[in-house]
Amino acid sequence: MLLSSDEINNKLKNLNEWSYENNSIHKLFVLKDFSSALALVVRAGIEAEKIDHHPDIFIHSWNKCKITISTHSAGGVTEKDFLLAGLIEKIK
């Protein structure tokens, strides 16, 4: 079930530096080096696979990783997106 903009913005208060834009939530992670960025991608991928919910992940520069999450089948943001974002926050 899609969340309203108000529900999304309220839930974002519980996540550090995540934003809502274009029917998805996203965060730019700035890590200490390229190896750390790759490690984040792998660990986020493992958590995503466990709950069968897969984010868009973009590594750029040498230490930046942008993770974007939405429920494509629902056409926007759902509770499952916040579940995954919370799991990703714990692995940092």
PDB file of N, CA and C in Angstrom:
ATOM      1  N   MET A   1       0.835  -1.180   0.000  1.00  0.00           N
ATOM      2  CA  MET A   1       0.000   0.000   0.000  1.00  0.00           C
ATOM      3  C   MET A   1       0.886   1.251   0.000  1.00  0.00           C
ATOM      4  N   LEU A   2       0.615   2.146  -0.911  1.00  0.00           N
ATOM      5  CA  LEU A   2       1.391   3.386  -1.011  1.00  0.00           C
ATOM      6  C   LEU A   2       1.207   4.257   0.221  1.00  0.00           C
ATOM      7  N   LEU A   3       2.282   4.895   0.615  1.00  0.00           N
ATOM      8  CA  LEU A   3       2.222   5.855   1.713  1.00  0.00           C
ATOM      9  C   LEU A   3       1.962   7.251   1.148  1.00  0.00           C
ATOM     10  N   SER A   4       1.278   8.070   1.906  1.00  0.00           N
ATOM     11  CA  SER A   4       1.047   9.460   1.490  1.00  0.00           C
ATOM     12  C   SER A   4       2.327  10.270   1.696  1.00  0.00           C
ATOM     13  N   SER A   5       2.392  11.424   1.093  1.00  0.00           N
ATOM     14  CA  SER A   5       3.547  12.310   1.269  1.00  0.00           C
ATOM     15  C   SER A   5       3.758  12.658   2.738  1.00  0.00           C
ATOM     16  N   ASP A   6       2.682  12.908   3.448  1.00  0.00           N
ATOM     17  CA  ASP A   6       2.781  13.217   4.877  1.00  0.00           C
ATOM     18  C   ASP A   6       3.351  12.033   5.656  1.00  0.00           C
ATOM     19  N   GLU A   7       2.885  10.829   5.352  1.00  0.00           N
ATOM     20  CA  GLU A   7       3.399   9.634   6.035  1.00  0.00           C
ATOM     21  C   GLU A   7       4.884   9.431   5.735  1.00  0.00           C
ATOM     22  N   ILE A   8       5.251   9.638   4.489  1.00  0.00           N
ATOM     23  CA  ILE A   8       6.652   9.479   4.090  1.00  0.00           C
ATOM     24  C   ILE A   8       7.526  10.495   4.817  1.00  0.00           C
ATOM     25  N   ASN A   9       7.124  11.753   4.788  1.00  0.00           N
ATOM     26  CA  ASN A   9       7.930  12.792   5.445  1.00  0.00           C
ATOM     27  C   ASN A   9       8.030  12.566   6.945  1.00  0.00           C
ATOM     28  N   ASN A  10       7.000  12.047   7.548  1.00  0.00           N
ATOM     29  CA  ASN A  10       7.038  11.736   8.973  1.00  0.00           C
ATOM     30  C   ASN A  10       8.027  10.594   9.253  1.00  0.00           C
ATOM     31  N   LYS A  11       8.003   9.560   8.426  1.00  0.00           N
ATOM     32  CA  LYS A  11       8.905   8.426   8.604  1.00  0.00           C
ATOM     33  C   LYS A  11      10.355   8.802   8.322  1.00  0.00           C
ATOM     34  N   LEU A  12      10.569   9.758   7.431  1.00  0.00           N
ATOM     35  CA  LEU A  12      11.937  10.191   7.127  1.00  0.00           C
ATOM     36  C   LEU A  12      12.617  10.825   8.340  1.00  0.00           C
ATOM     37  N   LYS A  13      11.853  11.324   9.272  1.00  0.00           N
ATOM     38  CA  LYS A  13      12.426  11.919  10.480  1.00  0.00           C
ATOM     39  C   LYS A  13      13.199  10.890  11.294  1.00  0.00           C
ATOM     40  N   ASN A  14      12.888   9.610  11.098  1.00  0.00           N
ATOM     41  CA  ASN A  14      13.569   8.541  11.831  1.00  0.00           C
ATOM     42  C   ASN A  14      14.796   7.994  11.102  1.00  0.00           C
ATOM     43  N   LEU A  15      15.069   8.523   9.917  1.00  0.00           N
ATOM     44  CA  LEU A  15      16.218   8.086   9.129  1.00  0.00           C
ATOM     45  C   LEU A  15      17.172   9.260   8.928  1.00  0.00           C
ATOM     46  N   ASN A  16      18.437   9.013   9.086  1.00  0.00           N
ATOM     47  CA  ASN A  16      19.452  10.059   8.980  1.00  0.00           C
ATOM     48  C   ASN A  16      19.785  10.384   7.521  1.00  0.00           C
ATOM     49  N   GLU A  17      19.440  11.584   7.101  1.00  0.00           N
ATOM     50  CA  GLU A  17      19.806  12.136   5.785  1.00  0.00           C
ATOM     51  C   GLU A  17      19.155  11.452   4.582  1.00  0.00           C
ATOM     52  N   TRP A  18      18.041  10.758   4.777  1.00  0.00           N
ATOM     53  CA  TRP A  18      17.296  10.228   3.653  1.00  0.00           C
ATOM     54  C   TRP A  18      16.323  11.298   3.177  1.00  0.00           C
ATOM     55  N   SER A  19      16.044  11.306   1.883  1.00  0.00           N
ATOM     56  CA  SER A  19      15.144  12.291   1.284  1.00  0.00           C
ATOM     57  C   SER A  19      14.083  11.591   0.442  1.00  0.00           C
ATOM     58  N   TYR A  20      13.017  12.331   0.167  1.00  0.00           N
ATOM     59  CA  TYR A  20      11.930  11.834  -0.679  1.00  0.00           C
ATOM     60  C   TYR A  20      11.884  12.680  -1.938  1.00  0.00           C
ATOM     61  N   GLU A  21      11.927  11.995  -3.086  1.00  0.00           N
ATOM     62  CA  GLU A  21      11.889  12.694  -4.366  1.00  0.00           C
ATOM     63  C   GLU A  21      11.535  11.691  -5.462  1.00  0.00           C
ATOM     64  N   ASN A  22      10.732  12.117  -6.420  1.00  0.00           N
ATOM     65  CA  ASN A  22      10.374  11.277  -7.573  1.00  0.00           C
ATOM     66  C   ASN A  22       9.836   9.904  -7.163  1.00  0.00           C
ATOM     67  N   ASN A  23       8.915   9.888  -6.219  1.00  0.00           N
ATOM     68  CA  ASN A  23       8.266   8.653  -5.764  1.00  0.00           C
ATOM     69  C   ASN A  23       9.234   7.618  -5.211  1.00  0.00           C
ATOM     70  N   SER A  24      10.332   8.083  -4.600  1.00  0.00           N
ATOM     71  CA  SER A  24      11.284   7.167  -3.980  1.00  0.00           C
ATOM     72  C   SER A  24      12.001   7.875  -2.828  1.00  0.00           C
ATOM     73  N   ILE A  25      12.626   7.067  -1.978  1.00  0.00           N
ATOM     74  CA  ILE A  25      13.468   7.642  -0.936  1.00  0.00           C
ATOM     75  C   ILE A  25      14.917   7.336  -1.307  1.00  0.00           C
ATOM     76  N   HIS A  26      15.809   8.235  -0.953  1.00  0.00           N
ATOM     77  CA  HIS A  26      17.204   8.033  -1.343  1.00  0.00           C
ATOM     78  C   HIS A  26      18.145   8.681  -0.345  1.00  0.00           C
ATOM     79  N   LYS A  27      19.390   8.204  -0.411  1.00  0.00           N
ATOM     80  CA  LYS A  27      20.448   8.761   0.428  1.00  0.00           C
ATOM     81  C   LYS A  27      21.769   8.637  -0.307  1.00  0.00           C
ATOM     82  N   LEU A  28      22.599   9.672  -0.162  1.00  0.00           N
ATOM     83  CA  LEU A  28      23.964   9.632  -0.676  1.00  0.00           C
ATOM     84  C   LEU A  28      24.884   9.316   0.490  1.00  0.00           C
ATOM     85  N   PHE A  29      25.589   8.218   0.387  1.00  0.00           N
ATOM     86  CA  PHE A  29      26.571   7.824   1.390  1.00  0.00           C
ATOM     87  C   PHE A  29      27.947   8.272   0.905  1.00  0.00           C
ATOM     88  N   VAL A  30      28.684   8.954   1.739  1.00  0.00           N
ATOM     89  CA  VAL A  30      30.054   9.347   1.434  1.00  0.00           C
ATOM     90  C   VAL A  30      30.940   8.543   2.384  1.00  0.00           C
ATOM     91  N   LEU A  31      31.728   7.672   1.801  1.00  0.00           N
ATOM     92  CA  LEU A  31      32.531   6.740   2.590  1.00  0.00           C
ATOM     93  C   LEU A  31      34.011   7.102   2.531  1.00  0.00           C
ATOM     94  N   LYS A  32      34.825   6.405   3.301  1.00  0.00           N
ATOM     95  CA  LYS A  32      36.232   6.793   3.401  1.00  0.00           C
ATOM     96  C   LYS A  32      37.054   6.433   2.169  1.00  0.00           C
ATOM     97  N   ASP A  33      36.627   5.405   1.420  1.00  0.00           N
ATOM     98  CA  ASP A  33      37.375   5.008   0.235  1.00  0.00           C
ATOM     99  C   ASP A  33      36.507   4.114  -0.658  1.00  0.00           C
ATOM    100  N   PHE A  34      37.078   3.722  -1.781  1.00  0.00           N
ATOM    101  CA  PHE A  34      36.338   2.912  -2.753  1.00  0.00           C
ATOM    102  C   PHE A  34      35.969   1.543  -2.178  1.00  0.00           C
ATOM    103  N   SER A  35      36.879   0.942  -1.442  1.00  0.00           N
ATOM    104  CA  SER A  35      36.600  -0.364  -0.842  1.00  0.00           C
ATOM    105  C   SER A  35      35.407  -0.303   0.105  1.00  0.00           C
ATOM    106  N   SER A  36      35.304   0.774   0.861  1.00  0.00           N
ATOM    107  CA  SER A  36      34.173   0.942   1.780  1.00  0.00           C
ATOM    108  C   SER A  36      32.861   1.114   1.018  1.00  0.00           C
ATOM    109  N   ALA A  37      32.915   1.813  -0.117  1.00  0.00           N
ATOM    110  CA  ALA A  37      31.714   1.974  -0.946  1.00  0.00           C
ATOM    111  C   ALA A  37      31.264   0.626  -1.495  1.00  0.00           C
ATOM    112  N   LEU A  38      32.223  -0.168  -1.974  1.00  0.00           N
ATOM    113  CA  LEU A  38      31.881  -1.502  -2.473  1.00  0.00           C
ATOM    114  C   LEU A  38      31.317  -2.381  -1.364  1.00  0.00           C
ATOM    115  N   ALA A  39      31.901  -2.292  -0.185  1.00  0.00           N
ATOM    116  CA  ALA A  39      31.418  -3.094   0.941  1.00  0.00           C
ATOM    117  C   ALA A  39      29.980  -2.717   1.292  1.00  0.00           C
ATOM    118  N   LEU A  40      29.658  -1.424   1.260  1.00  0.00           N
ATOM    119  CA  LEU A  40      28.282  -0.996   1.535  1.00  0.00           C
ATOM    120  C   LEU A  40      27.322  -1.588   0.513  1.00  0.00           C
ATOM    121  N   VAL A  41      27.711  -1.569  -0.745  1.00  0.00           N
ATOM    122  CA  VAL A  41      26.861  -2.120  -1.801  1.00  0.00           C
ATOM    123  C   VAL A  41      26.599  -3.608  -1.563  1.00  0.00           C
ATOM    124  N   VAL A  42      27.634  -4.342  -1.240  1.00  0.00           N
ATOM    125  CA  VAL A  42      27.481  -5.784  -1.014  1.00  0.00           C
ATOM    126  C   VAL A  42      26.588  -6.039   0.196  1.00  0.00           C
ATOM    127  N   ARG A  43      26.847  -5.345   1.285  1.00  0.00           N
ATOM    128  CA  ARG A  43      26.071  -5.575   2.506  1.00  0.00           C
ATOM    129  C   ARG A  43      24.609  -5.141   2.323  1.00  0.00           C
ATOM    130  N   ALA A  44      24.395  -4.016   1.621  1.00  0.00           N
ATOM    131  CA  ALA A  44      23.021  -3.571   1.335  1.00  0.00           C
ATOM    132  C   ALA A  44      22.326  -4.585   0.435  1.00  0.00           C
ATOM    133  N   GLY A  45      23.058  -5.132  -0.529  1.00  0.00           N
ATOM    134  CA  GLY A  45      22.495  -6.137  -1.422  1.00  0.00           C
ATOM    135  C   GLY A  45      22.075  -7.398  -0.692  1.00  0.00           C
ATOM    136  N   ILE A  46      22.858  -7.800   0.283  1.00  0.00           N
ATOM    137  CA  ILE A  46      22.516  -8.983   1.073  1.00  0.00           C
ATOM    138  C   ILE A  46      21.225  -8.743   1.859  1.00  0.00           C
ATOM    139  N   GLU A  47      21.123  -7.578   2.500  1.00  0.00           N
ATOM    140  CA  GLU A  47      19.906  -7.255   3.253  1.00  0.00           C
ATOM    141  C   GLU A  47      18.696  -7.172   2.327  1.00  0.00           C
ATOM    142  N   ALA A  48      18.883  -6.566   1.151  1.00  0.00           N
ATOM    143  CA  ALA A  48      17.789  -6.451   0.183  1.00  0.00           C
ATOM    144  C   ALA A  48      17.316  -7.824  -0.278  1.00  0.00           C
ATOM    145  N   GLU A  49      18.256  -8.701  -0.539  1.00  0.00           N
ATOM    146  CA  GLU A  49      17.904 -10.049  -0.998  1.00  0.00           C
ATOM    147  C   GLU A  49      17.128 -10.807   0.075  1.00  0.00           C
ATOM    148  N   LYS A  50      17.496 -10.622   1.330  1.00  0.00           N
ATOM    149  CA  LYS A  50      16.806 -11.304   2.429  1.00  0.00           C
ATOM    150  C   LYS A  50      15.315 -10.976   2.469  1.00  0.00           C
ATOM    151  N   ILE A  51      14.970  -9.729   2.132  1.00  0.00           N
ATOM    152  CA  ILE A  51      13.554  -9.341   2.182  1.00  0.00           C
ATOM    153  C   ILE A  51      12.938  -9.235   0.781  1.00  0.00           C
ATOM    154  N   ASP A  52      13.691  -9.670  -0.232  1.00  0.00           N
ATOM    155  CA  ASP A  52      13.221  -9.668  -1.625  1.00  0.00           C
ATOM    156  C   ASP A  52      12.721  -8.282  -2.048  1.00  0.00           C
ATOM    157  N   HIS A  53      13.567  -7.284  -1.791  1.00  0.00           N
ATOM    158  CA  HIS A  53      13.228  -5.903  -2.147  1.00  0.00           C
ATOM    159  C   HIS A  53      14.520  -5.205  -2.553  1.00  0.00           C
ATOM    160  N   HIS A  54      14.633  -4.848  -3.807  1.00  0.00           N
ATOM    161  CA  HIS A  54      15.927  -4.469  -4.364  1.00  0.00           C
ATOM    162  C   HIS A  54      16.005  -2.983  -4.735  1.00  0.00           C
ATOM    163  N   PRO A  55      16.959  -2.279  -4.143  1.00  0.00           N
ATOM    164  CA  PRO A  55      17.119  -0.849  -4.419  1.00  0.00           C
ATOM    165  C   PRO A  55      17.914  -0.608  -5.697  1.00  0.00           C
ATOM    166  N   ASP A  56      17.886   0.631  -6.147  1.00  0.00           N
ATOM    167  CA  ASP A  56      18.798   1.079  -7.195  1.00  0.00           C
ATOM    168  C   ASP A  56      20.043   1.595  -6.471  1.00  0.00           C
ATOM    169  N   ILE A  57      21.211   1.149  -6.918  1.00  0.00           N
ATOM    170  CA  ILE A  57      22.460   1.535  -6.268  1.00  0.00           C
ATOM    171  C   ILE A  57      23.403   2.086  -7.327  1.00  0.00           C
ATOM    172  N   PHE A  58      23.975   3.242  -7.037  1.00  0.00           N
ATOM    173  CA  PHE A  58      24.872   3.921  -7.968  1.00  0.00           C
ATOM    174  C   PHE A  58      26.140   4.325  -7.228  1.00  0.00           C
ATOM    175  N   ILE A  59      27.270   3.763  -7.626  1.00  0.00           N
ATOM    176  CA  ILE A  59      28.567   4.169  -7.064  1.00  0.00           C
ATOM    177  C   ILE A  59      29.185   5.165  -8.026  1.00  0.00           C
ATOM    178  N   HIS A  60      29.676   6.267  -7.490  1.00  0.00           N
ATOM    179  CA  HIS A  60      30.372   7.235  -8.335  1.00  0.00           C
ATOM    180  C   HIS A  60      31.507   7.876  -7.563  1.00  0.00           C
ATOM    181  N   SER A  61      32.330   8.578  -8.305  1.00  0.00           N
ATOM    182  CA  SER A  61      33.580   9.101  -7.761  1.00  0.00           C
ATOM    183  C   SER A  61      34.353   7.916  -7.202  1.00  0.00           C
ATOM    184  N   TRP A  62      35.031   8.078  -6.146  1.00  0.00           N
ATOM    185  CA  TRP A  62      35.806   6.977  -5.574  1.00  0.00           C
ATOM    186  C   TRP A  62      35.268   6.545  -4.217  1.00  0.00           C
ATOM    187  N   ASN A  63      34.284   7.293  -3.706  1.00  0.00           N
ATOM    188  CA  ASN A  63      33.805   6.981  -2.351  1.00  0.00           C
ATOM    189  C   ASN A  63      32.336   7.307  -2.112  1.00  0.00           C
ATOM    190  N   LYS A  64      31.566   7.476  -3.161  1.00  0.00           N
ATOM    191  CA  LYS A  64      30.166   7.858  -2.995  1.00  0.00           C
ATOM    192  C   LYS A  64      29.245   6.761  -3.521  1.00  0.00           C
ATOM    193  N   CYS A  65      28.173   6.550  -2.780  1.00  0.00           N
ATOM    194  CA  CYS A  65      27.192   5.542  -3.152  1.00  0.00           C
ATOM    195  C   CYS A  65      25.806   6.111  -2.896  1.00  0.00           C
ATOM    196  N   LYS A  66      24.994   6.200  -3.938  1.00  0.00           N
ATOM    197  CA  LYS A  66      23.616   6.667  -3.799  1.00  0.00           C
ATOM    198  C   LYS A  66      22.699   5.456  -3.849  1.00  0.00           C
ATOM    199  N   ILE A  67      21.842   5.341  -2.835  1.00  0.00           N
ATOM    200  CA  ILE A  67      20.873   4.257  -2.786  1.00  0.00           C
ATOM    201  C   ILE A  67      19.478   4.861  -2.894  1.00  0.00           C
ATOM    202  N   THR A  68      18.708   4.361  -3.844  1.00  0.00           N
ATOM    203  CA  THR A  68      17.346   4.827  -4.092  1.00  0.00           C
ATOM    204  C   THR A  68      16.405   3.645  -3.946  1.00  0.00           C
ATOM    205  N   ILE A  69      15.340   3.862  -3.166  1.00  0.00           N
ATOM    206  CA  ILE A  69      14.415   2.769  -2.884  1.00  0.00           C
ATOM    207  C   ILE A  69      12.982   3.200  -3.173  1.00  0.00           C
ATOM    208  N   SER A  70      12.272   2.352  -3.887  1.00  0.00           N
ATOM    209  CA  SER A  70      10.828   2.514  -4.069  1.00  0.00           C
ATOM    210  C   SER A  70      10.253   1.139  -4.388  1.00  0.00           C
ATOM    211  N   THR A  71       8.957   1.032  -4.265  1.00  0.00           N
ATOM    212  CA  THR A  71       8.288  -0.212  -4.606  1.00  0.00           C
ATOM    213  C   THR A  71       7.719  -0.028  -6.008  1.00  0.00           C
ATOM    214  N   HIS A  72       8.480  -0.477  -6.990  1.00  0.00           N
ATOM    215  CA  HIS A  72       8.106  -0.257  -8.388  1.00  0.00           C
ATOM    216  C   HIS A  72       6.723  -0.824  -8.708  1.00  0.00           C
ATOM    217  N   SER A  73       6.418  -1.987  -8.159  1.00  0.00           N
ATOM    218  CA  SER A  73       5.127  -2.617  -8.457  1.00  0.00           C
ATOM    219  C   SER A  73       3.949  -1.826  -7.894  1.00  0.00           C
ATOM    220  N   ALA A  74       4.199  -1.023  -6.855  1.00  0.00           N
ATOM    221  CA  ALA A  74       3.135  -0.200  -6.260  1.00  0.00           C
ATOM    222  C   ALA A  74       3.152   1.220  -6.822  1.00  0.00           C
ATOM    223  N   GLY A  75       4.221   1.589  -7.508  1.00  0.00           N
ATOM    224  CA  GLY A  75       4.307   2.918  -8.103  1.00  0.00           C
ATOM    225  C   GLY A  75       4.715   4.014  -7.140  1.00  0.00           C
ATOM    226  N   GLY A  76       5.435   3.646  -6.073  1.00  0.00           N
ATOM    227  CA  GLY A  76       5.878   4.668  -5.127  1.00  0.00           C
ATOM    228  C   GLY A  76       6.455   4.060  -3.867  1.00  0.00           C
ATOM    229  N   VAL A  77       6.324   4.776  -2.774  1.00  0.00           N
ATOM    230  CA  VAL A  77       6.950   4.387  -1.518  1.00  0.00           C
ATOM    231  C   VAL A  77       5.953   3.657  -0.614  1.00  0.00           C
ATOM    232  N   THR A  78       6.410   2.539  -0.068  1.00  0.00           N
ATOM    233  CA  THR A  78       5.608   1.724   0.849  1.00  0.00           C
ATOM    234  C   THR A  78       6.404   1.468   2.131  1.00  0.00           C
ATOM    235  N   GLU A  79       5.778   0.786   3.059  1.00  0.00           N
ATOM    236  CA  GLU A  79       6.446   0.411   4.309  1.00  0.00           C
ATOM    237  C   GLU A  79       7.697  -0.418   4.051  1.00  0.00           C
ATOM    238  N   LYS A  80       7.663  -1.243   3.030  1.00  0.00           N
ATOM    239  CA  LYS A  80       8.810  -2.105   2.725  1.00  0.00           C
ATOM    240  C   LYS A  80      10.051  -1.281   2.386  1.00  0.00           C
ATOM    241  N   ASP A  81       9.860  -0.123   1.781  1.00  0.00           N
ATOM    242  CA  ASP A  81      10.985   0.751   1.460  1.00  0.00           C
ATOM    243  C   ASP A  81      11.651   1.264   2.737  1.00  0.00           C
ATOM    244  N   PHE A  82      10.840   1.599   3.711  1.00  0.00           N
ATOM    245  CA  PHE A  82      11.389   2.075   4.981  1.00  0.00           C
ATOM    246  C   PHE A  82      12.032   0.940   5.767  1.00  0.00           C
ATOM    247  N   LEU A  83      11.501  -0.257   5.629  1.00  0.00           N
ATOM    248  CA  LEU A  83      12.133  -1.413   6.258  1.00  0.00           C
ATOM    249  C   LEU A  83      13.549  -1.585   5.712  1.00  0.00           C
ATOM    250  N   LEU A  84      13.696  -1.552   4.391  1.00  0.00           N
ATOM    251  CA  LEU A  84      15.008  -1.715   3.774  1.00  0.00           C
ATOM    252  C   LEU A  84      15.935  -0.561   4.138  1.00  0.00           C
ATOM    253  N   ALA A  85      15.452   0.660   4.117  1.00  0.00           N
ATOM    254  CA  ALA A  85      16.288   1.804   4.482  1.00  0.00           C
ATOM    255  C   ALA A  85      16.801   1.654   5.917  1.00  0.00           C
ATOM    256  N   GLY A  86      15.958   1.193   6.813  1.00  0.00           N
ATOM    257  CA  GLY A  86      16.370   0.979   8.197  1.00  0.00           C
ATOM    258  C   GLY A  86      17.438  -0.095   8.303  1.00  0.00           C
ATOM    259  N   LEU A  87      17.305  -1.154   7.536  1.00  0.00           N
ATOM    260  CA  LEU A  87      18.322  -2.208   7.527  1.00  0.00           C
ATOM    261  C   LEU A  87      19.645  -1.691   6.995  1.00  0.00           C
ATOM    262  N   ILE A  88      19.593  -0.880   5.949  1.00  0.00           N
ATOM    263  CA  ILE A  88      20.813  -0.306   5.377  1.00  0.00           C
ATOM    264  C   ILE A  88      21.487   0.629   6.376  1.00  0.00           C
ATOM    265  N   GLU A  89      20.701   1.404   7.088  1.00  0.00           N
ATOM    266  CA  GLU A  89      21.265   2.309   8.098  1.00  0.00           C
ATOM    267  C   GLU A  89      22.038   1.536   9.167  1.00  0.00           C
ATOM    268  N   LYS A  90      21.586   0.366   9.511  1.00  0.00           N
ATOM    269  CA  LYS A  90      22.239  -0.430  10.557  1.00  0.00           C
ATOM    270  C   LYS A  90      23.579  -1.007  10.128  1.00  0.00           C
ATOM    271  N   ILE A  91      23.813  -1.152   8.828  1.00  0.00           N
ATOM    272  CA  ILE A  91      25.061  -1.774   8.376  1.00  0.00           C
ATOM    273  C   ILE A  91      26.188  -0.774   8.177  1.00  0.00           C
ATOM    274  N   LYS A  92      25.899   0.481   8.161  1.00  0.00           N
ATOM    275  CA  LYS A  92      26.924   1.500   7.923  1.00  0.00           C
ATOM    276  C   LYS A  92      28.073   1.401   8.883  1.00  0.00           C
TER     277      LYS A  92
END
